[in-house]
């Protein structure tokens, strides 16, 4: 690869990081529920994106491509988490990886909302977050996950129904950084 190609590749990668890092972190944080895991997932996703940059044929699809890489990293993390315990400290104690993790206070969603999201099956959580957090259309989600549009719609319905059942009813309009306001791209509230 010559120097001009290297410079163009670096410029494209820098552009991808600048334009999409915040979106990737937001999705990773909602999937993992822990800041340090989200940071690791985003780092791994960008590392994989750097190695796979020649596979990006259409720059207009870069966001979806990066989100797909992130979801693959997330699924890999889940598989690894479910098969191996983690040793804690020097005492040789095993930490239960299935135990609920603390959500940082700076989170824009309350602990209860994060716990409700964590309780969703991955099949329902991913489409839900892609539509309501990332603002993707249902058609984009269907194309991204390689599933039929009707499946996306039914999974969104099930996710919303589960979250409604798990979350307390609020009578007043929530305010502040911990307020829950999930709004679809067309303005419909959850």
Foldseek 3Di string as FASTA:
>chain_A
DDPVVVVVLVVLLVVLCVVAVVVQLVLLCLAPVENVRSVVLSVQLSVVCSVCVVVPPDSVCSNLVSNLSSVVSSVVVVVVLVPDFDQDDPPRDTDNSVDDDDHDPQALADPQLSVLLNPDDPLLNVLQCCFQVVQDDLVSVCVSVVHDSVSSVVSPVVSVVSSVVRDDDDDDQDDDSRGDWGAGNVGDTD
